[in-house]
Amino acid sequence: MSDSANETPEAGDEQATGESAESNAYWAANLKLLGVLMAIWFVVSFGAGILLRDWLDQFMLGGYPLGFWFAQQGSIYVFIALIFYYSFAMRRLERKYDLED
């Protein structure tokens, strides 16, 4: 019976562990980007569309109260902008870590 399953890979053997410092840095940057974008998504949808709606309704945009506008249309525009920004940022991140297709 072999103990090869219990052997730990050597420090320089990155392929055996499947992780390297560079891939860890890539995933950390990826998760940071996702966290920031999800926070923006939450603030716009829940904050501007629900929590701050009454306060935002004192301002008008296109003839509609701003809180209503965010709840119905503004959040959708922000979500679409976040999708495009995510695509742009991930392309830049993949180039930085040499992971382009």
Foldseek 3Di string as FASTA:
>chain_A
DDPPVVDDDDPPPCVVVVDDPLVVVLVVVLVVLVVVLVVVLCCQAPVLQPVCLVVQQVDDDPRGRSNPCSNPPVSVVSVVVSVVVSVVVVVVSCVVSVNDD
